N, C-alpha and C. Protein backbone atom coordinates (compact mmCIF):
# COMPACT_ATOMS: atom_id res chain seq x y z
N MET A 1 109.60 46.39 154.12
CA MET A 1 110.78 45.69 154.38
C MET A 1 111.76 46.59 155.15
N GLU A 2 112.27 46.07 156.20
CA GLU A 2 113.24 46.85 157.02
C GLU A 2 114.56 46.91 156.40
N ARG A 3 115.36 47.93 156.81
CA ARG A 3 116.67 48.13 156.14
C ARG A 3 117.58 46.85 156.25
N LYS A 4 117.62 46.28 157.39
CA LYS A 4 118.42 45.10 157.66
C LYS A 4 118.07 43.99 156.70
N GLU A 5 116.74 43.80 156.48
CA GLU A 5 116.24 42.73 155.60
C GLU A 5 116.66 43.01 154.17
N LYS A 6 116.58 44.27 153.76
CA LYS A 6 116.96 44.65 152.35
C LYS A 6 118.40 44.39 152.19
N VAL A 7 119.22 44.79 153.12
CA VAL A 7 120.65 44.59 152.99
C VAL A 7 121.04 43.10 152.97
N ALA A 8 120.40 42.34 153.84
CA ALA A 8 120.61 40.96 153.81
C ALA A 8 120.19 40.28 152.54
N ALA A 9 119.10 40.71 151.94
CA ALA A 9 118.70 40.15 150.64
C ALA A 9 119.67 40.47 149.52
N ARG A 10 120.23 41.74 149.54
CA ARG A 10 121.15 42.11 148.53
C ARG A 10 122.44 41.27 148.69
N GLU A 11 122.85 41.08 149.91
CA GLU A 11 124.05 40.28 150.23
C GLU A 11 123.87 38.83 149.73
N LYS A 12 122.74 38.30 149.93
CA LYS A 12 122.38 36.94 149.49
C LYS A 12 122.46 36.84 147.99
N ARG A 13 121.84 37.87 147.26
CA ARG A 13 121.92 37.88 145.75
C ARG A 13 123.39 38.04 145.39
N LYS A 14 124.17 38.90 146.06
CA LYS A 14 125.54 39.13 145.69
C LYS A 14 126.38 37.81 145.75
N LYS A 15 126.19 37.11 146.81
CA LYS A 15 126.89 35.83 147.08
C LYS A 15 126.63 34.82 145.90
N ARG A 16 125.30 34.74 145.56
CA ARG A 16 124.88 33.83 144.55
C ARG A 16 125.52 34.26 143.21
N ILE A 17 125.54 35.55 142.93
CA ILE A 17 126.08 35.94 141.63
C ILE A 17 127.61 35.71 141.52
N ARG A 18 128.27 36.08 142.60
CA ARG A 18 129.77 36.00 142.62
C ARG A 18 130.28 34.61 142.58
N LYS A 19 129.50 33.61 142.90
CA LYS A 19 129.96 32.21 142.85
C LYS A 19 130.27 31.85 141.36
N THR A 20 129.55 32.43 140.49
CA THR A 20 129.66 32.01 139.05
C THR A 20 130.49 32.97 138.14
N ILE A 21 130.61 34.19 138.58
CA ILE A 21 131.39 35.06 137.70
C ILE A 21 132.80 35.47 138.27
N SER A 22 133.76 35.69 137.32
CA SER A 22 135.09 36.08 137.71
C SER A 22 135.65 36.81 136.50
N GLY A 23 136.35 37.90 136.72
CA GLY A 23 137.04 38.61 135.61
C GLY A 23 138.43 38.27 135.45
N THR A 24 138.87 38.42 134.20
CA THR A 24 140.26 38.19 133.82
C THR A 24 140.88 39.41 133.20
N ALA A 25 142.12 39.42 132.88
CA ALA A 25 142.73 40.56 132.30
C ALA A 25 142.08 40.86 130.90
N GLY A 26 141.77 39.86 130.10
CA GLY A 26 141.14 40.03 128.76
C GLY A 26 139.66 40.38 128.81
N LYS A 27 139.00 39.85 129.92
CA LYS A 27 137.56 40.11 129.98
C LYS A 27 137.25 40.42 131.49
N PRO A 28 137.51 41.68 131.92
CA PRO A 28 137.39 42.00 133.34
C PRO A 28 135.94 42.07 133.81
N ARG A 29 135.73 42.10 135.09
CA ARG A 29 134.39 42.20 135.69
C ARG A 29 134.06 43.71 135.89
N LEU A 30 132.93 44.08 135.36
CA LEU A 30 132.44 45.51 135.57
C LEU A 30 131.53 45.48 136.87
N CYS A 31 132.14 45.91 137.96
CA CYS A 31 131.40 45.83 139.24
C CYS A 31 130.78 47.15 139.52
N VAL A 32 129.52 47.18 139.92
CA VAL A 32 128.75 48.39 140.12
C VAL A 32 128.34 48.46 141.56
N TYR A 33 128.40 49.67 142.16
CA TYR A 33 127.91 49.92 143.52
C TYR A 33 127.14 51.23 143.51
N LYS A 34 126.01 51.24 144.17
CA LYS A 34 125.30 52.47 144.27
C LYS A 34 124.87 52.79 145.63
N SER A 35 124.98 54.09 146.03
CA SER A 35 124.53 54.58 147.32
C SER A 35 123.33 55.53 147.00
N LEU A 36 122.81 56.16 147.92
CA LEU A 36 121.69 57.03 147.64
C LEU A 36 122.15 58.27 146.87
N ARG A 37 123.34 58.74 147.03
CA ARG A 37 123.78 59.99 146.33
C ARG A 37 124.80 59.82 145.25
N GLN A 38 125.45 58.64 145.14
CA GLN A 38 126.48 58.40 144.09
C GLN A 38 126.29 56.98 143.50
N ILE A 39 127.06 56.82 142.39
CA ILE A 39 127.14 55.49 141.85
C ILE A 39 128.60 55.29 141.35
N TYR A 40 129.09 54.09 141.50
CA TYR A 40 130.51 53.80 141.22
C TYR A 40 130.58 52.54 140.31
N ALA A 41 131.60 52.49 139.47
CA ALA A 41 131.83 51.38 138.59
C ALA A 41 133.31 51.09 138.53
N GLN A 42 133.67 49.84 138.56
CA GLN A 42 135.09 49.46 138.51
C GLN A 42 135.25 48.32 137.53
N LEU A 43 136.40 48.29 136.83
CA LEU A 43 136.75 47.13 136.02
C LEU A 43 137.83 46.35 136.85
N ILE A 44 137.56 45.16 137.11
CA ILE A 44 138.36 44.36 138.03
C ILE A 44 138.89 43.05 137.36
N ASP A 45 140.19 42.84 137.56
CA ASP A 45 140.90 41.62 137.14
C ASP A 45 140.98 40.72 138.35
N ASP A 46 140.04 39.65 138.46
CA ASP A 46 140.04 38.84 139.63
C ASP A 46 141.24 37.86 139.72
N SER A 47 141.82 37.62 138.60
CA SER A 47 142.96 36.65 138.57
C SER A 47 144.15 37.31 139.31
N GLN A 48 144.28 38.57 139.23
CA GLN A 48 145.44 39.32 139.93
C GLN A 48 144.95 40.15 141.07
N ASP A 49 143.65 40.09 141.36
CA ASP A 49 143.02 40.95 142.46
C ASP A 49 143.37 42.41 142.27
N LYS A 50 143.18 42.96 141.04
CA LYS A 50 143.50 44.33 140.76
C LYS A 50 142.39 45.06 140.14
N VAL A 51 142.24 46.38 140.49
CA VAL A 51 141.27 47.23 139.81
C VAL A 51 142.03 47.83 138.65
N ILE A 52 141.40 47.56 137.41
CA ILE A 52 142.02 48.10 136.22
C ILE A 52 141.80 49.56 136.04
N THR A 53 140.49 49.96 136.11
CA THR A 53 140.08 51.34 136.09
C THR A 53 138.81 51.53 136.82
N ALA A 54 138.47 52.74 137.13
CA ALA A 54 137.19 53.02 137.77
C ALA A 54 136.63 54.37 137.38
N ALA A 55 135.29 54.52 137.57
CA ALA A 55 134.57 55.77 137.39
C ALA A 55 133.49 55.90 138.34
N SER A 56 133.11 57.12 138.64
CA SER A 56 131.97 57.31 139.56
C SER A 56 131.46 58.76 139.31
N THR A 57 130.34 59.01 139.99
CA THR A 57 129.77 60.37 139.87
C THR A 57 130.69 61.38 140.53
N LEU A 58 131.67 61.02 141.21
CA LEU A 58 132.62 61.85 141.88
C LEU A 58 133.91 62.20 141.01
N THR A 59 134.01 61.46 139.90
CA THR A 59 135.08 61.73 138.92
C THR A 59 134.90 63.05 138.29
N LYS A 60 136.03 63.82 138.17
CA LYS A 60 135.92 65.23 137.74
C LYS A 60 135.22 65.37 136.37
N GLU A 61 135.53 64.47 135.38
CA GLU A 61 134.96 64.62 134.06
C GLU A 61 133.42 64.34 134.13
N VAL A 62 133.03 63.38 135.01
CA VAL A 62 131.57 63.16 135.04
C VAL A 62 130.93 64.18 135.85
N MET A 63 131.49 64.60 136.96
CA MET A 63 130.93 65.62 137.82
C MET A 63 130.59 66.92 137.12
N ALA A 64 131.42 67.26 136.12
CA ALA A 64 131.24 68.49 135.42
C ALA A 64 130.00 68.49 134.48
N THR A 65 129.54 67.29 134.16
CA THR A 65 128.40 67.19 133.24
C THR A 65 127.04 66.82 133.95
N ILE A 66 127.06 66.59 135.19
CA ILE A 66 125.85 66.24 135.92
C ILE A 66 125.44 67.32 136.97
N LYS A 67 124.21 67.18 137.36
CA LYS A 67 123.70 68.12 138.42
C LYS A 67 123.65 67.38 139.80
N CYS A 68 123.19 66.17 139.71
CA CYS A 68 123.05 65.31 140.95
C CYS A 68 123.58 63.96 140.63
N GLY A 69 124.20 63.40 141.68
CA GLY A 69 124.85 62.02 141.44
C GLY A 69 123.98 60.83 141.68
N GLY A 70 122.76 61.04 142.18
CA GLY A 70 121.91 59.90 142.53
C GLY A 70 120.71 59.70 141.62
N ASN A 71 120.88 59.99 140.39
CA ASN A 71 119.75 59.80 139.46
C ASN A 71 120.22 59.01 138.24
N VAL A 72 119.26 58.70 137.39
CA VAL A 72 119.46 57.81 136.17
C VAL A 72 120.37 58.47 135.14
N GLU A 73 120.22 59.79 134.95
CA GLU A 73 121.12 60.48 134.01
C GLU A 73 122.57 60.41 134.40
N ALA A 74 122.91 60.55 135.76
CA ALA A 74 124.20 60.51 136.25
C ALA A 74 124.74 59.06 136.02
N ALA A 75 123.97 58.04 136.26
CA ALA A 75 124.36 56.68 136.14
C ALA A 75 124.76 56.39 134.72
N LYS A 76 123.94 56.93 133.77
CA LYS A 76 124.24 56.72 132.36
C LYS A 76 125.59 57.38 132.00
N LYS A 77 125.87 58.55 132.43
CA LYS A 77 127.07 59.25 132.23
C LYS A 77 128.27 58.44 132.70
N VAL A 78 128.09 57.88 133.94
CA VAL A 78 129.23 57.08 134.55
C VAL A 78 129.48 55.85 133.62
N GLY A 79 128.41 55.20 133.12
CA GLY A 79 128.53 54.03 132.23
C GLY A 79 129.28 54.46 130.98
N GLU A 80 128.88 55.57 130.41
CA GLU A 80 129.60 56.05 129.20
C GLU A 80 131.11 56.34 129.43
N HIS A 81 131.35 56.96 130.64
CA HIS A 81 132.73 57.30 130.98
C HIS A 81 133.62 56.00 131.09
N ILE A 82 133.07 55.06 131.83
CA ILE A 82 133.82 53.81 132.11
C ILE A 82 134.07 53.09 130.74
N GLY A 83 133.02 53.10 129.90
CA GLY A 83 133.09 52.52 128.59
C GLY A 83 134.19 53.12 127.70
N LYS A 84 134.28 54.44 127.74
CA LYS A 84 135.34 55.23 127.02
C LYS A 84 136.76 54.87 127.54
N LYS A 85 136.84 54.83 128.86
CA LYS A 85 138.13 54.48 129.48
C LYS A 85 138.50 53.07 129.15
N ALA A 86 137.62 52.11 129.13
CA ALA A 86 137.88 50.76 128.80
C ALA A 86 138.36 50.68 127.39
N ALA A 87 137.58 51.43 126.47
CA ALA A 87 137.97 51.31 125.04
C ALA A 87 139.38 51.85 124.83
N GLY A 88 139.73 52.94 125.57
CA GLY A 88 141.07 53.46 125.45
C GLY A 88 142.13 52.55 125.91
N MET A 89 141.83 51.52 126.72
CA MET A 89 142.79 50.56 127.24
C MET A 89 142.68 49.30 126.37
N GLY A 90 141.82 49.28 125.34
CA GLY A 90 141.77 48.13 124.48
C GLY A 90 140.86 47.05 125.02
N ILE A 91 139.94 47.32 125.90
CA ILE A 91 138.98 46.39 126.48
C ILE A 91 137.65 46.59 125.83
N SER A 92 137.13 45.50 125.26
CA SER A 92 135.84 45.63 124.59
C SER A 92 134.82 44.76 125.16
N GLN A 93 135.17 43.67 125.90
CA GLN A 93 134.23 42.76 126.45
C GLN A 93 134.47 42.66 128.02
N VAL A 94 133.34 42.71 128.71
CA VAL A 94 133.34 42.66 130.21
C VAL A 94 132.36 41.75 130.67
N ILE A 95 132.42 41.35 131.92
CA ILE A 95 131.38 40.60 132.62
C ILE A 95 130.67 41.49 133.56
N PHE A 96 129.38 41.73 133.47
CA PHE A 96 128.68 42.68 134.24
C PHE A 96 128.34 42.10 135.64
N ASP A 97 128.75 42.77 136.71
CA ASP A 97 128.42 42.34 138.06
C ASP A 97 127.65 43.46 138.70
N ARG A 98 126.37 43.17 138.84
CA ARG A 98 125.49 44.15 139.45
C ARG A 98 125.53 44.20 140.96
N ASN A 99 126.36 43.35 141.51
CA ASN A 99 126.72 43.45 143.01
C ASN A 99 125.52 43.25 143.91
N GLY A 100 124.60 42.40 143.41
CA GLY A 100 123.35 42.11 144.25
C GLY A 100 122.20 43.12 144.08
N PHE A 101 122.51 44.21 143.40
CA PHE A 101 121.41 45.15 143.09
C PHE A 101 120.47 44.57 142.02
N LYS A 102 119.23 44.94 142.05
CA LYS A 102 118.36 44.52 141.00
C LYS A 102 118.70 45.28 139.69
N TYR A 103 118.55 44.64 138.58
CA TYR A 103 118.82 45.17 137.32
C TYR A 103 117.65 46.10 136.89
N HIS A 104 117.65 47.36 137.42
CA HIS A 104 116.56 48.23 137.29
C HIS A 104 117.07 49.63 137.55
N GLY A 105 116.45 50.70 136.97
CA GLY A 105 116.78 52.01 137.29
C GLY A 105 118.24 52.37 136.98
N ARG A 106 118.93 52.88 137.99
CA ARG A 106 120.27 53.30 137.90
C ARG A 106 121.31 52.29 137.33
N ILE A 107 121.10 51.06 137.87
CA ILE A 107 121.98 49.88 137.42
C ILE A 107 121.81 49.69 135.93
N LYS A 108 120.56 49.67 135.48
CA LYS A 108 120.28 49.43 134.04
C LYS A 108 120.78 50.59 133.27
N ALA A 109 120.64 51.88 133.74
CA ALA A 109 121.11 53.00 133.01
C ALA A 109 122.65 52.98 132.83
N LEU A 110 123.33 52.59 133.90
CA LEU A 110 124.83 52.50 133.83
C LEU A 110 125.19 51.45 132.76
N ALA A 111 124.51 50.29 132.78
CA ALA A 111 124.80 49.25 131.82
C ALA A 111 124.52 49.72 130.38
N ASP A 112 123.41 50.41 130.15
CA ASP A 112 123.12 50.93 128.80
C ASP A 112 124.07 51.95 128.37
N GLY A 113 124.58 52.81 129.28
CA GLY A 113 125.62 53.82 128.92
C GLY A 113 126.91 53.13 128.55
N ALA A 114 127.32 52.08 129.23
CA ALA A 114 128.51 51.30 128.96
C ALA A 114 128.38 50.65 127.60
N ARG A 115 127.21 50.11 127.36
CA ARG A 115 127.01 49.39 126.01
C ARG A 115 127.12 50.47 124.83
N GLU A 116 126.53 51.65 125.06
CA GLU A 116 126.61 52.70 124.05
C GLU A 116 128.05 53.10 123.85
N ALA A 117 128.85 53.07 124.86
CA ALA A 117 130.28 53.45 124.65
C ALA A 117 131.09 52.33 124.07
N GLY A 118 130.54 51.16 123.78
CA GLY A 118 131.20 50.12 123.11
C GLY A 118 131.52 48.85 123.85
N LEU A 119 131.21 48.81 125.14
CA LEU A 119 131.45 47.55 125.87
C LEU A 119 130.42 46.56 125.53
N GLN A 120 130.86 45.28 125.49
CA GLN A 120 129.92 44.17 125.20
C GLN A 120 129.79 43.31 126.41
N PHE A 121 128.57 42.97 126.79
CA PHE A 121 128.26 42.00 127.87
C PHE A 121 126.91 41.57 127.74
């Protein structure tokens, strides 16, 4: 599969997913993005178009505990970190938005880490 085809397929999945899900202040959307070297997660309130909080492999607290940002262990740490930040803000339930990525590997690891930290989805 060529790169353009892969990106187009992800965009198609993303559109299909985003038609049905939307975050609120009480139950924000946990949006995930991954690149080859990093992984990012944001809690988004779609009713006000605001990012509530975010975490990534570039966050200082996470960066200190990982060796490389593009692997499953780093994704799990990011999930745990965003879960702890959300718990500190009184958020326990979220809607998981995999952003068109397949639920496998790093995306699954981030979700598992967030669940271990107390988020429910």
